[in-house]
Amino acid sequence: MVERMYYEPIFSGSVKPENYIIVDDVYTTGQTLRRLKHYIESKGGNVTGAWCIGAGPTLAFEPTRLLIRLLLVKFPDINNYFDVELLTVPQIQYLLRLSSINRLWSIHSDNQQKLLFWV
């Protein structure tokens, strides 16, 4: 999950002002779905649903205001690390299980060091 916290998909291309259903192959954190939904809607499109292979229709990757508020209460400076408005439900739930934001950075640093030695 930690590495997926730093994954930021980039989209390009034109979007017509129509309705869209997003289809993705795998649902891990919902980051790809959420970012694509945001991209389509920022270009004038309307996302009416999202599907993942082997799963039903869902837009459950969008956090509620309450979930965001819980994150902000636990980690008041979280906006220094992530754009809270772009985090997904699984990502926020993961962060809420951590004892501190420093723990996240520790896990991420350890993973980066392992990757350096495997190359």
PDB file of N, CA and C in Angstrom:
ATOM      1  N   MET A   1       0.826  -1.201   0.000  1.00  0.00           N
ATOM      2  CA  MET A   1       0.000   0.000   0.000  1.00  0.00           C
ATOM      3  C   MET A   1       0.864   1.256   0.000  1.00  0.00           C
ATOM      4  N   VAL A   2       1.983   1.212   0.703  1.00  0.00           N
ATOM      5  CA  VAL A   2       2.804   2.410   0.832  1.00  0.00           C
ATOM      6  C   VAL A   2       3.250   2.920  -0.535  1.00  0.00           C
ATOM      7  N   GLU A   3       3.742   2.042  -1.378  1.00  0.00           N
ATOM      8  CA  GLU A   3       4.204   2.485  -2.691  1.00  0.00           C
ATOM      9  C   GLU A   3       3.053   3.036  -3.521  1.00  0.00           C
ATOM     10  N   ARG A   4       1.871   2.465  -3.358  1.00  0.00           N
ATOM     11  CA  ARG A   4       0.702   2.957  -4.102  1.00  0.00           C
ATOM     12  C   ARG A   4       0.276   4.340  -3.617  1.00  0.00           C
ATOM     13  N   MET A   5       0.676   4.721  -2.415  1.00  0.00           N
ATOM     14  CA  MET A   5       0.340   6.051  -1.906  1.00  0.00           C
ATOM     15  C   MET A   5       1.019   7.136  -2.742  1.00  0.00           C
ATOM     16  N   TYR A   6       2.135   6.783  -3.375  1.00  0.00           N
ATOM     17  CA  TYR A   6       2.904   7.758  -4.144  1.00  0.00           C
ATOM     18  C   TYR A   6       2.661   7.643  -5.651  1.00  0.00           C
ATOM     19  N   TYR A   7       1.806   6.706  -6.034  1.00  0.00           N
ATOM     20  CA  TYR A   7       1.474   6.504  -7.444  1.00  0.00           C
ATOM     21  C   TYR A   7       0.519   7.594  -7.901  1.00  0.00           C
ATOM     22  N   GLU A   8       0.900   8.329  -8.933  1.00  0.00           N
ATOM     23  CA  GLU A   8       0.058   9.400  -9.452  1.00  0.00           C
ATOM     24  C   GLU A   8      -0.105   9.230 -10.957  1.00  0.00           C
ATOM     25  N   PRO A   9      -1.173   8.559 -11.379  1.00  0.00           N
ATOM     26  CA  PRO A   9      -1.384   8.385 -12.817  1.00  0.00           C
ATOM     27  C   PRO A   9      -1.635   9.733 -13.490  1.00  0.00           C
ATOM     28  N   ILE A  10      -1.215   9.830 -14.737  1.00  0.00           N
ATOM     29  CA  ILE A  10      -1.396  11.049 -15.514  1.00  0.00           C
ATOM     30  C   ILE A  10      -2.219  10.710 -16.749  1.00  0.00           C
ATOM     31  N   PHE A  11      -3.199  11.522 -17.039  1.00  0.00           N
ATOM     32  CA  PHE A  11      -4.069  11.297 -18.180  1.00  0.00           C
ATOM     33  C   PHE A  11      -3.984  12.479 -19.130  1.00  0.00           C
ATOM     34  N   SER A  12      -4.249  12.213 -20.394  1.00  0.00           N
ATOM     35  CA  SER A  12      -4.268  13.287 -21.384  1.00  0.00           C
ATOM     36  C   SER A  12      -5.332  12.953 -22.427  1.00  0.00           C
ATOM     37  N   GLY A  13      -5.646  13.919 -23.233  1.00  0.00           N
ATOM     38  CA  GLY A  13      -6.615  13.709 -24.293  1.00  0.00           C
ATOM     39  C   GLY A  13      -7.871  14.517 -24.069  1.00  0.00           C
ATOM     40  N   SER A  14      -8.667  14.583 -25.110  1.00  0.00           N
ATOM     41  CA  SER A  14      -9.890  15.379 -25.030  1.00  0.00           C
ATOM     42  C   SER A  14     -11.015  14.580 -24.376  1.00  0.00           C
ATOM     43  N   VAL A  15     -11.911  15.299 -23.772  1.00  0.00           N
ATOM     44  CA  VAL A  15     -13.079  14.702 -23.117  1.00  0.00           C
ATOM     45  C   VAL A  15     -14.308  15.452 -23.613  1.00  0.00           C
ATOM     46  N   LYS A  16     -15.250  14.708 -24.150  1.00  0.00           N
ATOM     47  CA  LYS A  16     -16.500  15.329 -24.604  1.00  0.00           C
ATOM     48  C   LYS A  16     -17.428  15.495 -23.403  1.00  0.00           C
ATOM     49  N   PRO A  17     -18.305  16.468 -23.419  1.00  0.00           N
ATOM     50  CA  PRO A  17     -19.247  16.668 -22.303  1.00  0.00           C
ATOM     51  C   PRO A  17     -20.361  15.611 -22.343  1.00  0.00           C
ATOM     52  N   GLU A  18     -19.984  14.376 -22.078  1.00  0.00           N
ATOM     53  CA  GLU A  18     -20.914  13.244 -22.102  1.00  0.00           C
ATOM     54  C   GLU A  18     -20.788  12.459 -20.805  1.00  0.00           C
ATOM     55  N   ASN A  19     -21.590  11.399 -20.668  1.00  0.00           N
ATOM     56  CA  ASN A  19     -21.507  10.506 -19.520  1.00  0.00           C
ATOM     57  C   ASN A  19     -20.473   9.417 -19.790  1.00  0.00           C
ATOM     58  N   TYR A  20     -19.727   9.039 -18.743  1.00  0.00           N
ATOM     59  CA  TYR A  20     -18.683   8.033 -18.861  1.00  0.00           C
ATOM     60  C   TYR A  20     -18.822   6.994 -17.770  1.00  0.00           C
ATOM     61  N   ILE A  21     -18.444   5.756 -18.117  1.00  0.00           N
ATOM     62  CA  ILE A  21     -18.276   4.681 -17.146  1.00  0.00           C
ATOM     63  C   ILE A  21     -16.813   4.280 -17.231  1.00  0.00           C
ATOM     64  N   ILE A  22     -16.129   4.284 -16.114  1.00  0.00           N
ATOM     65  CA  ILE A  22     -14.706   3.944 -16.070  1.00  0.00           C
ATOM     66  C   ILE A  22     -14.565   2.442 -15.836  1.00  0.00           C
ATOM     67  N   VAL A  23     -13.653   1.812 -16.581  1.00  0.00           N
ATOM     68  CA  VAL A  23     -13.361   0.389 -16.407  1.00  0.00           C
ATOM     69  C   VAL A  23     -11.863   0.245 -16.162  1.00  0.00           C
ATOM     70  N   ASP A  24     -11.516  -0.470 -15.089  1.00  0.00           N
ATOM     71  CA  ASP A  24     -10.105  -0.703 -14.754  1.00  0.00           C
ATOM     72  C   ASP A  24      -9.917  -2.200 -14.548  1.00  0.00           C
ATOM     73  N   ASP A  25      -8.680  -2.662 -14.657  1.00  0.00           N
ATOM     74  CA  ASP A  25      -8.437  -4.098 -14.528  1.00  0.00           C
ATOM     75  C   ASP A  25      -8.423  -4.573 -13.074  1.00  0.00           C
ATOM     76  N   VAL A  26      -7.793  -3.819 -12.186  1.00  0.00           N
ATOM     77  CA  VAL A  26      -7.639  -4.244 -10.797  1.00  0.00           C
ATOM     78  C   VAL A  26      -7.927  -3.073  -9.870  1.00  0.00           C
ATOM     79  N   TYR A  27      -8.570  -3.358  -8.760  1.00  0.00           N
ATOM     80  CA  TYR A  27      -8.825  -2.331  -7.747  1.00  0.00           C
ATOM     81  C   TYR A  27      -7.906  -2.611  -6.574  1.00  0.00           C
ATOM     82  N   THR A  28      -6.894  -1.777  -6.418  1.00  0.00           N
ATOM     83  CA  THR A  28      -5.980  -1.908  -5.280  1.00  0.00           C
ATOM     84  C   THR A  28      -6.283  -0.811  -4.277  1.00  0.00           C
ATOM     85  N   THR A  29      -6.062   0.426  -4.690  1.00  0.00           N
ATOM     86  CA  THR A  29      -6.332   1.555  -3.801  1.00  0.00           C
ATOM     87  C   THR A  29      -7.446   2.444  -4.331  1.00  0.00           C
ATOM     88  N   GLY A  30      -7.806   2.266  -5.595  1.00  0.00           N
ATOM     89  CA  GLY A  30      -8.801   3.135  -6.212  1.00  0.00           C
ATOM     90  C   GLY A  30      -8.199   4.408  -6.774  1.00  0.00           C
ATOM     91  N   GLN A  31      -6.875   4.544  -6.678  1.00  0.00           N
ATOM     92  CA  GLN A  31      -6.204   5.763  -7.107  1.00  0.00           C
ATOM     93  C   GLN A  31      -6.386   6.028  -8.603  1.00  0.00           C
ATOM     94  N   THR A  32      -6.240   5.002  -9.433  1.00  0.00           N
ATOM     95  CA  THR A  32      -6.403   5.200 -10.876  1.00  0.00           C
ATOM     96  C   THR A  32      -7.830   5.628 -11.184  1.00  0.00           C
ATOM     97  N   LEU A  33      -8.802   4.958 -10.588  1.00  0.00           N
ATOM     98  CA  LEU A  33     -10.206   5.313 -10.811  1.00  0.00           C
ATOM     99  C   LEU A  33     -10.501   6.739 -10.363  1.00  0.00           C
ATOM    100  N   ARG A  34     -10.029   7.075  -9.192  1.00  0.00           N
ATOM    101  CA  ARG A  34     -10.319   8.411  -8.653  1.00  0.00           C
ATOM    102  C   ARG A  34      -9.672   9.504  -9.493  1.00  0.00           C
ATOM    103  N   ARG A  35      -8.422   9.304  -9.861  1.00  0.00           N
ATOM    104  CA  ARG A  35      -7.736  10.316 -10.666  1.00  0.00           C
ATOM    105  C   ARG A  35      -8.361  10.439 -12.054  1.00  0.00           C
ATOM    106  N   LEU A  36      -8.753   9.318 -12.660  1.00  0.00           N
ATOM    107  CA  LEU A  36      -9.387   9.385 -13.977  1.00  0.00           C
ATOM    108  C   LEU A  36     -10.750  10.059 -13.879  1.00  0.00           C
ATOM    109  N   LYS A  37     -11.498   9.754 -12.833  1.00  0.00           N
ATOM    110  CA  LYS A  37     -12.787  10.411 -12.617  1.00  0.00           C
ATOM    111  C   LYS A  37     -12.585  11.919 -12.499  1.00  0.00           C
ATOM    112  N   HIS A  38     -11.603  12.312 -11.709  1.00  0.00           N
ATOM    113  CA  HIS A  38     -11.310  13.741 -11.528  1.00  0.00           C
ATOM    114  C   HIS A  38     -10.920  14.383 -12.864  1.00  0.00           C
ATOM    115  N   TYR A  39     -10.096  13.691 -13.642  1.00  0.00           N
ATOM    116  CA  TYR A  39      -9.662  14.226 -14.938  1.00  0.00           C
ATOM    117  C   TYR A  39     -10.855  14.422 -15.874  1.00  0.00           C
ATOM    118  N   ILE A  40     -11.686  13.403 -15.988  1.00  0.00           N
ATOM    119  CA  ILE A  40     -12.850  13.482 -16.880  1.00  0.00           C
ATOM    120  C   ILE A  40     -13.770  14.617 -16.455  1.00  0.00           C
ATOM    121  N   GLU A  41     -14.057  14.705 -15.158  1.00  0.00           N
ATOM    122  CA  GLU A  41     -14.973  15.743 -14.675  1.00  0.00           C
ATOM    123  C   GLU A  41     -14.363  17.140 -14.792  1.00  0.00           C
ATOM    124  N   SER A  42     -13.043  17.248 -14.656  1.00  0.00           N
ATOM    125  CA  SER A  42     -12.405  18.564 -14.798  1.00  0.00           C
ATOM    126  C   SER A  42     -12.418  19.042 -16.245  1.00  0.00           C
ATOM    127  N   LYS A  43     -12.615  18.118 -17.184  1.00  0.00           N
ATOM    128  CA  LYS A  43     -12.669  18.456 -18.606  1.00  0.00           C
ATOM    129  C   LYS A  43     -14.102  18.559 -19.125  1.00  0.00           C
ATOM    130  N   GLY A  44     -15.098  18.494 -18.209  1.00  0.00           N
ATOM    131  CA  GLY A  44     -16.492  18.672 -18.605  1.00  0.00           C
ATOM    132  C   GLY A  44     -17.300  17.407 -18.767  1.00  0.00           C
ATOM    133  N   GLY A  45     -16.688  16.255 -18.551  1.00  0.00           N
ATOM    134  CA  GLY A  45     -17.421  14.987 -18.631  1.00  0.00           C
ATOM    135  C   GLY A  45     -18.104  14.668 -17.313  1.00  0.00           C
ATOM    136  N   ASN A  46     -18.929  13.632 -17.318  1.00  0.00           N
ATOM    137  CA  ASN A  46     -19.658  13.208 -16.127  1.00  0.00           C
ATOM    138  C   ASN A  46     -19.468  11.709 -15.940  1.00  0.00           C
ATOM    139  N   VAL A  47     -18.859  11.298 -14.840  1.00  0.00           N
ATOM    140  CA  VAL A  47     -18.646   9.875 -14.559  1.00  0.00           C
ATOM    141  C   VAL A  47     -19.857   9.351 -13.803  1.00  0.00           C
ATOM    142  N   THR A  48     -20.531   8.373 -14.400  1.00  0.00           N
ATOM    143  CA  THR A  48     -21.745   7.828 -13.792  1.00  0.00           C
ATOM    144  C   THR A  48     -21.507   6.495 -13.083  1.00  0.00           C
ATOM    145  N   GLY A  49     -20.353   5.887 -13.316  1.00  0.00           N
ATOM    146  CA  GLY A  49     -20.067   4.617 -12.664  1.00  0.00           C
ATOM    147  C   GLY A  49     -18.640   4.196 -12.910  1.00  0.00           C
ATOM    148  N   ALA A  50     -18.201   3.205 -12.151  1.00  0.00           N
ATOM    149  CA  ALA A  50     -16.859   2.648 -12.313  1.00  0.00           C
ATOM    150  C   ALA A  50     -16.929   1.145 -12.102  1.00  0.00           C
ATOM    151  N   TRP A  51     -16.225   0.410 -12.914  1.00  0.00           N
ATOM    152  CA  TRP A  51     -16.183  -1.050 -12.833  1.00  0.00           C
ATOM    153  C   TRP A  51     -14.744  -1.516 -12.799  1.00  0.00           C
ATOM    154  N   CYS A  52     -14.512  -2.587 -12.068  1.00  0.00           N
ATOM    155  CA  CYS A  52     -13.228  -3.283 -12.108  1.00  0.00           C
ATOM    156  C   CYS A  52     -13.505  -4.724 -12.510  1.00  0.00           C
ATOM    157  N   ILE A  53     -12.605  -5.302 -13.260  1.00  0.00           N
ATOM    158  CA  ILE A  53     -12.761  -6.682 -13.686  1.00  0.00           C
ATOM    159  C   ILE A  53     -12.968  -7.553 -12.436  1.00  0.00           C
ATOM    160  N   GLY A  54     -13.981  -8.356 -12.431  1.00  0.00           N
ATOM    161  CA  GLY A  54     -14.257  -9.233 -11.300  1.00  0.00           C
ATOM    162  C   GLY A  54     -14.951  -8.543 -10.140  1.00  0.00           C
ATOM    163  N   ALA A  55     -15.400  -7.314 -10.338  1.00  0.00           N
ATOM    164  CA  ALA A  55     -16.103  -6.579  -9.284  1.00  0.00           C
ATOM    165  C   ALA A  55     -17.328  -5.903  -9.881  1.00  0.00           C
ATOM    166  N   GLY A  56     -18.220  -5.495  -9.042  1.00  0.00           N
ATOM    167  CA  GLY A  56     -19.416  -4.803  -9.496  1.00  0.00           C
ATOM    168  C   GLY A  56     -19.184  -3.318  -9.650  1.00  0.00           C
ATOM    169  N   PRO A  57     -20.237  -2.591 -10.013  1.00  0.00           N
ATOM    170  CA  PRO A  57     -20.094  -1.147 -10.186  1.00  0.00           C
ATOM    171  C   PRO A  57     -19.838  -0.478  -8.834  1.00  0.00           C
ATOM    172  N   THR A  58     -18.920   0.451  -8.824  1.00  0.00           N
ATOM    173  CA  THR A  58     -18.613   1.116  -7.564  1.00  0.00           C
ATOM    174  C   THR A  58     -18.026   2.493  -7.794  1.00  0.00           C
ATOM    175  N   LEU A  59     -18.350   3.383  -6.926  1.00  0.00           N
ATOM    176  CA  LEU A  59     -17.647   4.654  -6.804  1.00  0.00           C
ATOM    177  C   LEU A  59     -17.230   4.791  -5.351  1.00  0.00           C
ATOM    178  N   ALA A  60     -17.065   3.643  -4.687  1.00  0.00           N
ATOM    179  CA  ALA A  60     -16.752   3.611  -3.259  1.00  0.00           C
ATOM    180  C   ALA A  60     -15.337   4.082  -2.951  1.00  0.00           C
ATOM    181  N   PHE A  61     -14.569   4.443  -3.958  1.00  0.00           N
ATOM    182  CA  PHE A  61     -13.229   4.955  -3.707  1.00  0.00           C
ATOM    183  C   PHE A  61     -13.273   6.404  -3.258  1.00  0.00           C
ATOM    184  N   GLU A  62     -14.424   7.062  -3.400  1.00  0.00           N
ATOM    185  CA  GLU A  62     -14.589   8.460  -2.986  1.00  0.00           C
ATOM    186  C   GLU A  62     -14.846   8.514  -1.475  1.00  0.00           C
ATOM    187  N   PRO A  63     -13.950   9.130  -0.708  1.00  0.00           N
ATOM    188  CA  PRO A  63     -14.167   9.188   0.745  1.00  0.00           C
ATOM    189  C   PRO A  63     -15.273  10.172   1.136  1.00  0.00           C
ATOM    190  N   THR A  64     -15.912   9.889   2.237  1.00  0.00           N
ATOM    191  CA  THR A  64     -16.912  10.808   2.783  1.00  0.00           C
ATOM    192  C   THR A  64     -16.194  11.950   3.492  1.00  0.00           C
ATOM    193  N   ARG A  65     -16.894  13.025   3.734  1.00  0.00           N
ATOM    194  CA  ARG A  65     -16.326  14.155   4.481  1.00  0.00           C
ATOM    195  C   ARG A  65     -15.925  13.712   5.888  1.00  0.00           C
ATOM    196  N   LEU A  66     -16.700  12.787   6.474  1.00  0.00           N
ATOM    197  CA  LEU A  66     -16.383  12.292   7.814  1.00  0.00           C
ATOM    198  C   LEU A  66     -15.038  11.564   7.819  1.00  0.00           C
ATOM    199  N   LEU A  67     -14.804  10.720   6.823  1.00  0.00           N
ATOM    200  CA  LEU A  67     -13.543   9.986   6.757  1.00  0.00           C
ATOM    201  C   LEU A  67     -12.359  10.947   6.591  1.00  0.00           C
ATOM    202  N   ILE A  68     -12.530  11.947   5.754  1.00  0.00           N
ATOM    203  CA  ILE A  68     -11.477  12.957   5.577  1.00  0.00           C
ATOM    204  C   ILE A  68     -11.244  13.707   6.882  1.00  0.00           C
ATOM    205  N   ARG A  69     -12.327  14.045   7.560  1.00  0.00           N
ATOM    206  CA  ARG A  69     -12.215  14.770   8.836  1.00  0.00           C
ATOM    207  C   ARG A  69     -11.459  13.937   9.878  1.00  0.00           C
ATOM    208  N   LEU A  70     -11.751  12.626   9.946  1.00  0.00           N
ATOM    209  CA  LEU A  70     -11.034  11.742  10.871  1.00  0.00           C
ATOM    210  C   LEU A  70      -9.531  11.755  10.584  1.00  0.00           C
ATOM    211  N   LEU A  71      -9.176  11.738   9.301  1.00  0.00           N
ATOM    212  CA  LEU A  71      -7.767  11.784   8.922  1.00  0.00           C
ATOM    213  C   LEU A  71      -7.125  13.101   9.343  1.00  0.00           C
ATOM    214  N   LEU A  72      -7.824  14.201   9.101  1.00  0.00           N
ATOM    215  CA  LEU A  72      -7.287  15.519   9.448  1.00  0.00           C
ATOM    216  C   LEU A  72      -7.148  15.703  10.961  1.00  0.00           C
ATOM    217  N   VAL A  73      -8.047  15.101  11.724  1.00  0.00           N
ATOM    218  CA  VAL A  73      -7.951  15.189  13.183  1.00  0.00           C
ATOM    219  C   VAL A  73      -6.745  14.390  13.674  1.00  0.00           C
ATOM    220  N   LYS A  74      -6.555  13.193  13.108  1.00  0.00           N
ATOM    221  CA  LYS A  74      -5.433  12.356  13.545  1.00  0.00           C
ATOM    222  C   LYS A  74      -4.095  12.922  13.086  1.00  0.00           C
ATOM    223  N   PHE A  75      -4.052  13.433  11.847  1.00  0.00           N
ATOM    224  CA  PHE A  75      -2.814  13.975  11.273  1.00  0.00           C
ATOM    225  C   PHE A  75      -3.078  15.377  10.733  1.00  0.00           C
ATOM    226  N   PRO A  76      -3.068  16.391  11.588  1.00  0.00           N
ATOM    227  CA  PRO A  76      -3.392  17.757  11.157  1.00  0.00           C
ATOM    228  C   PRO A  76      -2.501  18.297  10.035  1.00  0.00           C
ATOM    229  N   ASP A  77      -1.278  17.790   9.934  1.00  0.00           N
ATOM    230  CA  ASP A  77      -0.372  18.284   8.901  1.00  0.00           C
ATOM    231  C   ASP A  77      -0.304  17.368   7.676  1.00  0.00           C
ATOM    232  N   ILE A  78      -1.277  16.493   7.508  1.00  0.00           N
ATOM    233  CA  ILE A  78      -1.273  15.534   6.398  1.00  0.00           C
ATOM    234  C   ILE A  78      -1.206  16.222   5.035  1.00  0.00           C
ATOM    235  N   ASN A  79      -1.766  17.428   4.933  1.00  0.00           N
ATOM    236  CA  ASN A  79      -1.726  18.146   3.657  1.00  0.00           C
ATOM    237  C   ASN A  79      -0.308  18.526   3.252  1.00  0.00           C
ATOM    238  N   ASN A  80       0.639  18.471   4.169  1.00  0.00           N
ATOM    239  CA  ASN A  80       2.040  18.700   3.814  1.00  0.00           C
ATOM    240  C   ASN A  80       2.629  17.518   3.050  1.00  0.00           C
ATOM    241  N   TYR A  81       1.952  16.369   3.120  1.00  0.00           N
ATOM    242  CA  TYR A  81       2.456  15.145   2.507  1.00  0.00           C
ATOM    243  C   TYR A  81       1.627  14.686   1.309  1.00  0.00           C
ATOM    244  N   PHE A  82       0.316  14.851   1.408  1.00  0.00           N
ATOM    245  CA  PHE A  82      -0.592  14.380   0.370  1.00  0.00           C
ATOM    246  C   PHE A  82      -1.688  15.400   0.127  1.00  0.00           C
ATOM    247  N   ASP A  83      -2.213  15.403  -1.083  1.00  0.00           N
ATOM    248  CA  ASP A  83      -3.403  16.190  -1.381  1.00  0.00           C
ATOM    249  C   ASP A  83      -4.588  15.362  -0.878  1.00  0.00           C
ATOM    250  N   VAL A  84      -5.093  15.701   0.280  1.00  0.00           N
ATOM    251  CA  VAL A  84      -6.145  14.923   0.935  1.00  0.00           C
ATOM    252  C   VAL A  84      -7.368  14.754   0.033  1.00  0.00           C
ATOM    253  N   GLU A  85      -7.647  15.761  -0.768  1.00  0.00           N
ATOM    254  CA  GLU A  85      -8.821  15.695  -1.651  1.00  0.00           C
ATOM    255  C   GLU A  85      -8.686  14.628  -2.729  1.00  0.00           C
ATOM    256  N   LEU A  86      -7.478  14.120  -2.962  1.00  0.00           N
ATOM    257  CA  LEU A  86      -7.275  13.098  -3.983  1.00  0.00           C
ATOM    258  C   LEU A  86      -7.052  11.707  -3.406  1.00  0.00           C
ATOM    259  N   LEU A  87      -7.004  11.584  -2.082  1.00  0.00           N
ATOM    260  CA  LEU A  87      -6.842  10.267  -1.475  1.00  0.00           C
ATOM    261  C   LEU A  87      -8.117   9.448  -1.619  1.00  0.00           C
ATOM    262  N   THR A  88      -7.956   8.148  -1.680  1.00  0.00           N
ATOM    263  CA  THR A  88      -9.095   7.237  -1.812  1.00  0.00           C
ATOM    264  C   THR A  88      -9.461   6.641  -0.453  1.00  0.00           C
ATOM    265  N   VAL A  89     -10.605   5.983  -0.396  1.00  0.00           N
ATOM    266  CA  VAL A  89     -11.046   5.343   0.851  1.00  0.00           C
ATOM    267  C   VAL A  89      -9.998   4.351   1.364  1.00  0.00           C
ATOM    268  N   PRO A  90      -9.503   3.402   0.537  1.00  0.00           N
ATOM    269  CA  PRO A  90      -8.492   2.474   1.064  1.00  0.00           C
ATOM    270  C   PRO A  90      -7.225   3.176   1.544  1.00  0.00           C
ATOM    271  N   GLN A  91      -6.817   4.238   0.861  1.00  0.00           N
ATOM    272  CA  GLN A  91      -5.625   4.955   1.295  1.00  0.00           C
ATOM    273  C   GLN A  91      -5.840   5.635   2.643  1.00  0.00           C
ATOM    274  N   ILE A  92      -6.976   6.269   2.822  1.00  0.00           N
ATOM    275  CA  ILE A  92      -7.267   6.929   4.099  1.00  0.00           C
ATOM    276  C   ILE A  92      -7.389   5.901   5.214  1.00  0.00           C
ATOM    277  N   GLN A  93      -8.045   4.781   4.937  1.00  0.00           N
ATOM    278  CA  GLN A  93      -8.164   3.738   5.953  1.00  0.00           C
ATOM    279  C   GLN A  93      -6.781   3.212   6.352  1.00  0.00           C
ATOM    280  N   TYR A  94      -5.892   3.075   5.379  1.00  0.00           N
ATOM    281  CA  TYR A  94      -4.523   2.640   5.668  1.00  0.00           C
ATOM    282  C   TYR A  94      -3.814   3.669   6.551  1.00  0.00           C
ATOM    283  N   LEU A  95      -3.906   4.933   6.184  1.00  0.00           N
ATOM    284  CA  LEU A  95      -3.255   5.984   6.967  1.00  0.00           C
ATOM    285  C   LEU A  95      -3.790   6.029   8.399  1.00  0.00           C
ATOM    286  N   LEU A  96      -5.080   5.832   8.566  1.00  0.00           N
ATOM    287  CA  LEU A  96      -5.669   5.879   9.907  1.00  0.00           C
ATOM    288  C   LEU A  96      -5.162   4.757  10.802  1.00  0.00           C
ATOM    289  N   ARG A  97      -4.674   3.664  10.207  1.00  0.00           N
ATOM    290  CA  ARG A  97      -4.132   2.557  11.003  1.00  0.00           C
ATOM    291  C   ARG A  97      -2.707   2.825  11.479  1.00  0.00           C
ATOM    292  N   LEU A  98      -2.041   3.821  10.887  1.00  0.00           N
ATOM    293  CA  LEU A  98      -0.664   4.124  11.274  1.00  0.00           C
ATOM    294  C   LEU A  98      -0.623   4.896  12.586  1.00  0.00           C
ATOM    295  N   SER A  99       0.446   4.683  13.326  1.00  0.00           N
ATOM    296  CA  SER A  99       0.595   5.412  14.592  1.00  0.00           C
ATOM    297  C   SER A  99       1.041   6.848  14.355  1.00  0.00           C
ATOM    298  N   SER A 100       1.755   7.061  13.243  1.00  0.00           N
ATOM    299  CA  SER A 100       2.229   8.417  12.921  1.00  0.00           C
ATOM    300  C   SER A 100       2.555   8.492  11.435  1.00  0.00           C
ATOM    301  N   ILE A 101       2.622   9.693  10.927  1.00  0.00           N
ATOM    302  CA  ILE A 101       3.028   9.895   9.534  1.00  0.00           C
ATOM    303  C   ILE A 101       4.487   9.487   9.363  1.00  0.00           C
ATOM    304  N   ASN A 102       5.282   9.651  10.399  1.00  0.00           N
ATOM    305  CA  ASN A 102       6.687   9.231  10.330  1.00  0.00           C
ATOM    306  C   ASN A 102       6.802   7.743  10.036  1.00  0.00           C
ATOM    307  N   ARG A 103       5.837   6.970  10.513  1.00  0.00           N
ATOM    308  CA  ARG A 103       5.838   5.525  10.242  1.00  0.00           C
ATOM    309  C   ARG A 103       5.679   5.269   8.746  1.00  0.00           C
ATOM    310  N   LEU A 104       4.844   6.040   8.092  1.00  0.00           N
ATOM    311  CA  LEU A 104       4.653   5.911   6.648  1.00  0.00           C
ATOM    312  C   LEU A 104       5.961   6.186   5.917  1.00  0.00           C
ATOM    313  N   TRP A 105       6.638   7.265   6.306  1.00  0.00           N
ATOM    314  CA  TRP A 105       7.909   7.610   5.663  1.00  0.00           C
ATOM    315  C   TRP A 105       8.966   6.556   5.936  1.00  0.00           C
ATOM    316  N   SER A 106       8.947   5.964   7.115  1.00  0.00           N
ATOM    317  CA  SER A 106       9.895   4.913   7.458  1.00  0.00           C
ATOM    318  C   SER A 106       9.681   3.684   6.565  1.00  0.00           C
ATOM    319  N   ILE A 107       8.437   3.279   6.394  1.00  0.00           N
ATOM    320  CA  ILE A 107       8.120   2.132   5.540  1.00  0.00           C
ATOM    321  C   ILE A 107       8.518   2.432   4.097  1.00  0.00           C
ATOM    322  N   HIS A 108       8.189   3.626   3.629  1.00  0.00           N
ATOM    323  CA  HIS A 108       8.514   4.016   2.256  1.00  0.00           C
ATOM    324  C   HIS A 108      10.031   4.022   2.042  1.00  0.00           C
ATOM    325  N   SER A 109      10.779   4.566   2.972  1.00  0.00           N
ATOM    326  CA  SER A 109      12.240   4.612   2.860  1.00  0.00           C
ATOM    327  C   SER A 109      12.833   3.210   2.841  1.00  0.00           C
ATOM    328  N   ASP A 110      12.325   2.336   3.720  1.00  0.00           N
ATOM    329  CA  ASP A 110      12.801   0.953   3.747  1.00  0.00           C
ATOM    330  C   ASP A 110      12.544   0.276   2.403  1.00  0.00           C
ATOM    331  N   ASN A 111      11.359   0.492   1.830  1.00  0.00           N
ATOM    332  CA  ASN A 111      11.025  -0.104   0.534  1.00  0.00           C
ATOM    333  C   ASN A 111      11.924   0.436  -0.565  1.00  0.00           C
ATOM    334  N   GLN A 112      12.229   1.726  -0.534  1.00  0.00           N
ATOM    335  CA  GLN A 112      13.099   2.320  -1.546  1.00  0.00           C
ATOM    336  C   GLN A 112      14.511   1.740  -1.460  1.00  0.00           C
ATOM    337  N   GLN A 113      14.998   1.525  -0.247  1.00  0.00           N
ATOM    338  CA  GLN A 113      16.329   0.932  -0.087  1.00  0.00           C
ATOM    339  C   GLN A 113      16.364  -0.488  -0.627  1.00  0.00           C
ATOM    340  N   LYS A 114      15.317  -1.263  -0.371  1.00  0.00           N
ATOM    341  CA  LYS A 114      15.249  -2.631  -0.899  1.00  0.00           C
ATOM    342  C   LYS A 114      15.264  -2.613  -2.416  1.00  0.00           C
ATOM    343  N   LEU A 115      14.534  -1.691  -3.017  1.00  0.00           N
ATOM    344  CA  LEU A 115      14.507  -1.594  -4.478  1.00  0.00           C
ATOM    345  C   LEU A 115      15.883  -1.270  -5.035  1.00  0.00           C
ATOM    346  N   LEU A 116      16.644  -0.437  -4.353  1.00  0.00           N
ATOM    347  CA  LEU A 116      17.988  -0.085  -4.813  1.00  0.00           C
ATOM    348  C   LEU A 116      18.907  -1.308  -4.833  1.00  0.00           C
ATOM    349  N   PHE A 117      18.758  -2.181  -3.839  1.00  0.00           N
ATOM    350  CA  PHE A 117      19.618  -3.350  -3.760  1.00  0.00           C
ATOM    351  C   PHE A 117      19.186  -4.451  -4.723  1.00  0.00           C
ATOM    352  N   TRP A 118      17.937  -4.462  -5.152  1.00  0.00           N
ATOM    353  CA  TRP A 118      17.449  -5.496  -6.070  1.00  0.00           C
ATOM    354  C   TRP A 118      17.788  -5.191  -7.507  1.00  0.00           C
ATOM    355  N   VAL A 119      18.099  -3.945  -7.813  1.00  0.00           N
ATOM    356  CA  VAL A 119      18.356  -3.567  -9.206  1.00  0.00           C
ATOM    357  C   VAL A 119      19.707  -4.039  -9.643  1.00  0.00           C
TER     358      VAL A 119
END
